[in-house]
C-alpha atoms as a PDB file:
ATOM      1  CA  MET A   1      68.558 -27.544 -81.537  1.00  0.00           C
ATOM      2  CA  THR A   2      71.307 -29.851 -80.670  1.00  0.00           C
ATOM      3  CA  ALA A   3      73.152 -31.497 -83.222  1.00  0.00           C
ATOM      4  CA  ASP A   4      71.703 -35.236 -82.387  1.00  0.00           C
ATOM      5  CA  ALA A   5      67.865 -33.873 -82.364  1.00  0.00           C
ATOM      6  CA  LEU A   6      68.046 -32.748 -85.566  1.00  0.00           C
ATOM      7  CA  GLN A   7      70.111 -35.514 -87.408  1.00  0.00           C
ATOM      8  CA  THR A   8      67.141 -37.631 -85.550  1.00  0.00           C
ATOM      9  CA  TYR A   9      64.496 -34.990 -87.161  1.00  0.00           C
ATOM     10  CA  LEU A  10      66.059 -35.561 -90.305  1.00  0.00           C
ATOM     11  CA  HIS A  11      66.175 -39.142 -90.059  1.00  0.00           C
ATOM     12  CA  ASP A  12      62.510 -39.123 -89.229  1.00  0.00           C
ATOM     13  CA  HIS A  13      61.517 -36.634 -91.630  1.00  0.00           C
ATOM     14  CA  ILE A  14      63.483 -36.993 -95.038  1.00  0.00           C
ATOM     15  CA  PRO A  15      64.237 -40.705 -95.393  1.00  0.00           C
ATOM     16  CA  LEU A  16      66.678 -40.055 -97.914  1.00  0.00           C
ATOM     17  CA  SER A  17      69.207 -39.010 -94.919  1.00  0.00           C
ATOM     18  CA  HIS A  18      68.510 -42.060 -92.907  1.00  0.00           C
ATOM     19  CA  ALA A  19      69.129 -44.273 -96.569  1.00  0.00           C
ATOM     20  CA  MET A  20      73.100 -41.688 -96.965  1.00  0.00           C
ATOM     21  CA  GLN A  21      73.585 -42.216 -93.393  1.00  0.00           C
ATOM     22  CA  VAL A  22      74.473 -38.734 -92.872  1.00  0.00           C
ATOM     23  CA  SER A  23      75.459 -37.372 -89.527  1.00  0.00           C
ATOM     24  CA  VAL A  24      75.340 -33.735 -87.957  1.00  0.00           C
ATOM     25  CA  ARG A  25      78.869 -32.687 -86.712  1.00  0.00           C
ATOM     26  CA  ALA A  26      78.126 -29.058 -86.513  1.00  0.00           C
ATOM     27  CA  VAL A  27      75.162 -26.088 -85.484  1.00  0.00           C
ATOM     28  CA  THR A  28      76.045 -23.104 -84.875  1.00  0.00           C
ATOM     29  CA  ALA A  29      74.584 -20.077 -85.144  1.00  0.00           C
ATOM     30  CA  ASP A  30      76.686 -19.068 -88.329  1.00  0.00           C
ATOM     31  CA  ALA A  31      76.779 -22.728 -89.855  1.00  0.00           C
ATOM     32  CA  LEU A  32      75.862 -26.165 -90.086  1.00  0.00           C
ATOM     33  CA  THR A  33      78.057 -29.168 -91.381  1.00  0.00           C
ATOM     34  CA  LEU A  34      76.607 -33.084 -92.392  1.00  0.00           C
ATOM     35  CA  GLU A  35      78.825 -35.383 -92.879  1.00  0.00           C
ATOM     36  CA  ALA A  36      78.050 -38.603 -94.834  1.00  0.00           C
ATOM     37  CA  PRO A  37      80.635 -41.553 -95.910  1.00  0.00           C
ATOM     38  CA  LEU A  38      81.511 -42.473 -99.540  1.00  0.00           C
ATOM     39  CA  ALA A  39      79.899 -46.777 -99.283  1.00  0.00           C
ATOM     40  CA  PRO A  40      76.330 -45.962 -99.251  1.00  0.00           C
ATOM     41  CA  ASN A  41      76.828 -42.854-102.007  1.00  0.00           C
ATOM     42  CA  ILE A  42      79.242 -44.771-104.727  1.00  0.00           C
ATOM     43  CA  ASN A  43      78.565 -44.293-107.828  1.00  0.00           C
ATOM     44  CA  HIS A  44      80.678 -46.656-110.525  1.00  0.00           C
ATOM     45  CA  ARG A  45      83.574 -45.167-109.906  1.00  0.00           C
ATOM     46  CA  ASP A  46      84.224 -45.658-106.361  1.00  0.00           C
ATOM     47  CA  THR A  47      83.388 -41.865-105.967  1.00  0.00           C
ATOM     48  CA  VAL A  48      80.518 -39.781-104.074  1.00  0.00           C
ATOM     49  CA  PHE A  49      77.507 -40.166-106.981  1.00  0.00           C
ATOM     50  CA  GLY A  50      77.308 -36.354-107.865  1.00  0.00           C
ATOM     51  CA  GLY A  51      73.133 -36.464-106.617  1.00  0.00           C
ATOM     52  CA  SER A  52      74.832 -37.230-103.539  1.00  0.00           C
ATOM     53  CA  ALA A  53      76.979 -34.725-102.889  1.00  0.00           C
ATOM     54  CA  SER A  54      73.662 -32.386-103.948  1.00  0.00           C
ATOM     55  CA  ALA A  55      71.592 -33.785-101.572  1.00  0.00           C
ATOM     56  CA  LEU A  56      73.911 -33.415 -98.917  1.00  0.00           C
ATOM     57  CA  ALA A  57      74.329 -29.827 -99.776  1.00  0.00           C
ATOM     58  CA  ILE A  58      70.321 -29.384 -99.996  1.00  0.00           C
ATOM     59  CA  LEU A  59      70.083 -30.900 -97.191  1.00  0.00           C
ATOM     60  CA  SER A  60      73.043 -28.661 -94.739  1.00  0.00           C
ATOM     61  CA  ALA A  61      71.460 -25.570 -96.552  1.00  0.00           C
ATOM     62  CA  TRP A  62      67.954 -26.623 -95.716  1.00  0.00           C
ATOM     63  CA  SER A  63      68.729 -27.428 -91.813  1.00  0.00           C
ATOM     64  CA  LEU A  64      70.569 -24.121 -91.547  1.00  0.00           C
ATOM     65  CA  VAL A  65      67.698 -22.172 -91.867  1.00  0.00           C
ATOM     66  CA  HIS A  66      65.446 -25.170 -90.774  1.00  0.00           C
ATOM     67  CA  THR A  67      67.222 -24.521 -87.332  1.00  0.00           C
ATOM     68  CA  LYS A  68      67.898 -20.951 -87.378  1.00  0.00           C
ATOM     69  CA  LEU A  69      64.051 -20.307 -87.704  1.00  0.00           C
ATOM     70  CA  ALA A  70      63.544 -22.739 -84.547  1.00  0.00           C
ATOM     71  CA  THR A  71      65.308 -20.804 -83.036  1.00  0.00           C
ATOM     72  CA  GLU A  72      63.623 -17.722 -83.435  1.00  0.00           C
ATOM     73  CA  GLY A  73      60.264 -20.157 -82.624  1.00  0.00           C
ATOM     74  CA  LEU A  74      59.159 -19.628 -85.677  1.00  0.00           C
ATOM     75  CA  LYS A  75      57.826 -23.284 -87.383  1.00  0.00           C
ATOM     76  CA  ALA A  76      57.518 -22.949 -91.385  1.00  0.00           C
ATOM     77  CA  ARG A  77      57.324 -25.309 -94.677  1.00  0.00           C
ATOM     78  CA  LEU A  78      60.554 -25.454 -95.975  1.00  0.00           C
ATOM     79  CA  VAL A  79      61.351 -24.987 -99.093  1.00  0.00           C
ATOM     80  CA  ILE A  80      64.035 -25.239-102.168  1.00  0.00           C
ATOM     81  CA  GLN A  81      63.434 -22.505-105.011  1.00  0.00           C
ATOM     82  CA  SER A  82      66.557 -22.952-106.817  1.00  0.00           C
ATOM     83  CA  ASN A  83      69.902 -24.491-107.053  1.00  0.00           C
ATOM     84  CA  THR A  84      73.070 -24.386-108.265  1.00  0.00           C
ATOM     85  CA  VAL A  85      76.132 -27.148-108.023  1.00  0.00           C
ATOM     86  CA  HIS A  86      79.146 -26.911-108.872  1.00  0.00           C
ATOM     87  CA  TYR A  87      81.484 -29.958-108.475  1.00  0.00           C
ATOM     88  CA  ASP A  88      85.456 -28.639-108.303  1.00  0.00           C
ATOM     89  CA  GLN A  89      87.019 -32.539-107.827  1.00  0.00           C
ATOM     90  CA  PRO A  90      85.761 -35.595-107.677  1.00  0.00           C
ATOM     91  CA  ILE A  91      84.492 -36.809-103.446  1.00  0.00           C
ATOM     92  CA  ALA A  92      86.653 -40.720-102.828  1.00  0.00           C
ATOM     93  CA  GLY A  93      85.590 -40.684 -99.046  1.00  0.00           C
ATOM     94  CA  THR A  94      83.939 -40.013 -96.159  1.00  0.00           C
ATOM     95  CA  PHE A  95      82.620 -35.926 -96.960  1.00  0.00           C
ATOM     96  CA  GLN A  96      80.845 -32.614 -95.588  1.00  0.00           C
ATOM     97  CA  SER A  97      78.872 -30.386 -96.605  1.00  0.00           C
ATOM     98  CA  THR A  98      79.575 -26.857 -94.253  1.00  0.00           C
ATOM     99  CA  ALA A  99      76.362 -24.367 -94.895  1.00  0.00           C
ATOM    100  CA  ILE A 100      75.971 -20.558 -94.605  1.00  0.00           C
ATOM    101  CA  LEU A 101      73.688 -17.907 -94.900  1.00  0.00           C
ATOM    102  CA  ALA A 102      75.144 -16.433 -98.346  1.00  0.00           C
ATOM    103  CA  THR A 103      74.744 -12.878 -97.463  1.00  0.00           C
ATOM    104  CA  PRO A 104      74.540 -12.851 -93.516  1.00  0.00           C
ATOM    105  CA  ALA A 105      72.057  -9.273 -93.345  1.00  0.00           C
ATOM    106  CA  ASP A 106      69.614 -10.744 -95.318  1.00  0.00           C
ATOM    107  CA  TRP A 107      68.288 -12.900 -92.450  1.00  0.00           C
ATOM    108  CA  PRO A 108      66.558 -10.225 -90.032  1.00  0.00           C
ATOM    109  CA  ARG A 109      64.755  -9.127 -94.072  1.00  0.00           C
ATOM    110  CA  PHE A 110      63.980 -12.711 -94.114  1.00  0.00           C
ATOM    111  CA  LEU A 111      62.262 -12.474 -90.653  1.00  0.00           C
ATOM    112  CA  ALA A 112      60.691  -9.301 -90.208  1.00  0.00           C
ATOM    113  CA  MET A 113      58.658 -10.499 -94.350  1.00  0.00           C
ATOM    114  CA  PHE A 114      57.953 -14.089 -93.134  1.00  0.00           C
ATOM    115  CA  ARG A 115      56.194 -12.372 -90.159  1.00  0.00           C
ATOM    116  CA  ARG A 116      54.530  -9.936 -92.115  1.00  0.00           C
ATOM    117  CA  ARG A 117      53.443 -11.798 -94.979  1.00  0.00           C
ATOM    118  CA  GLY A 118      54.485 -14.936 -93.880  1.00  0.00           C
ATOM    119  CA  LYS A 119      56.648 -15.933 -96.349  1.00  0.00           C
ATOM    120  CA  ALA A 120      60.372 -14.992 -97.068  1.00  0.00           C
ATOM    121  CA  ARG A 121      62.414 -16.500 -98.944  1.00  0.00           C
ATOM    122  CA  ILE A 122      66.769 -16.540 -98.652  1.00  0.00           C
ATOM    123  CA  THR A 123      69.760 -17.814 -99.951  1.00  0.00           C
ATOM    124  CA  VAL A 124      72.188 -19.938 -98.819  1.00  0.00           C
ATOM    125  CA  ALA A 125      75.448 -21.205-100.052  1.00  0.00           C
ATOM    126  CA  ALA A 126      77.435 -24.081 -98.707  1.00  0.00           C
ATOM    127  CA  ILE A 127      80.688 -25.719 -99.307  1.00  0.00           C
ATOM    128  CA  LEU A 128      81.544 -29.149 -99.984  1.00  0.00           C
ATOM    129  CA  THR A 129      84.714 -30.592 -98.681  1.00  0.00           C
ATOM    130  CA  GLU A 130      86.624 -34.098 -98.613  1.00  0.00           C
ATOM    131  CA  ASN A 131      89.554 -34.179 -95.659  1.00  0.00           C
ATOM    132  CA  GLY A 132      89.658 -30.365 -95.611  1.00  0.00           C
ATOM    133  CA  GLN A 133      89.432 -29.860 -98.873  1.00  0.00           C
ATOM    134  CA  ALA A 134      87.063 -28.743-101.295  1.00  0.00           C
ATOM    135  CA  ALA A 135      85.523 -29.880-103.406  1.00  0.00           C
ATOM    136  CA  GLY A 136      82.125 -28.280-104.632  1.00  0.00           C
ATOM    137  CA  ARG A 137      80.490 -25.308-104.061  1.00  0.00           C
ATOM    138  CA  PHE A 138      76.766 -24.568-104.284  1.00  0.00           C
ATOM    139  CA  GLU A 139      74.503 -22.228-103.311  1.00  0.00           C
ATOM    140  CA  GLY A 140      70.252 -22.478-102.820  1.00  0.00           C
ATOM    141  CA  SER A 141      67.345 -20.192-102.842  1.00  0.00           C
ATOM    142  CA  PHE A 142      64.797 -21.413 -99.748  1.00  0.00           C
ATOM    143  CA  VAL A 143      61.131 -20.234 -99.746  1.00  0.00           C
ATOM    144  CA  ALA A 144      59.916 -20.452 -95.746  1.00  0.00           C
ATOM    145  CA  LEU A 145      55.386 -20.314 -95.897  1.00  0.00           C
ATOM    146  CA  ALA A 146      53.959 -19.538 -92.732  1.00  0.00           C
ATOM    147  CA  MET A 147      51.981 -22.899 -91.042  1.00  0.00           C
ATOM    148  CA  ASP A 148      48.900 -23.405 -89.930  1.00  0.00           C
ATOM    149  CA  ASP A 149      47.730 -25.213 -86.891  1.00  0.00           C
ATOM    150  CA  ALA A 150      47.105 -28.436 -88.107  1.00  0.00           C
ATOM    151  CA  GLU A 151      50.113 -28.013 -90.595  1.00  0.00           C
ATOM    152  CA  VAL A 152      52.187 -27.615 -87.367  1.00  0.00           C
ATOM    153  CA  GLN A 153      50.403 -30.392 -85.441  1.00  0.00           C
ATOM    154  CA  SER A 154      50.826 -33.215 -87.954  1.00  0.00           C
ATOM    155  CA  ARG A 155      54.956 -32.480 -89.492  1.00  0.00           C
ATOM    156  CA  ALA A 156      54.846 -32.480 -85.225  1.00  0.00           C
END
């Protein structure tokens, strides 16, 4: 999936991504980076609202699993099960979230479980940055659920 296709998908299917003005900066097999400007995500202290930082991290992690599944030709209902975010310093400008699998060696097991049972769980990590400096850390558990043909058609 290209960066442009993913950005269009996010804006069309996850309205918050459009309101936050999220853009896709990089998509590779192992990492995915999203970016958002300060203005639509600002708080009363002229820094990024914590909810926006958390949302960008969740979106980048979700997008990584979504694109990896698409590369495998698999469609799934992908939901977050749990997450933690650590805010290490305020963010006062455009910010990024780069997601990677917490344990890349878990991917083949995740795929095998999904194909066998129609359900699998994987943990994704992300780093929030501003101007190349780490500002926060995210870790979340995502569950992929198999979709029937009717669900696939309605989500297209």
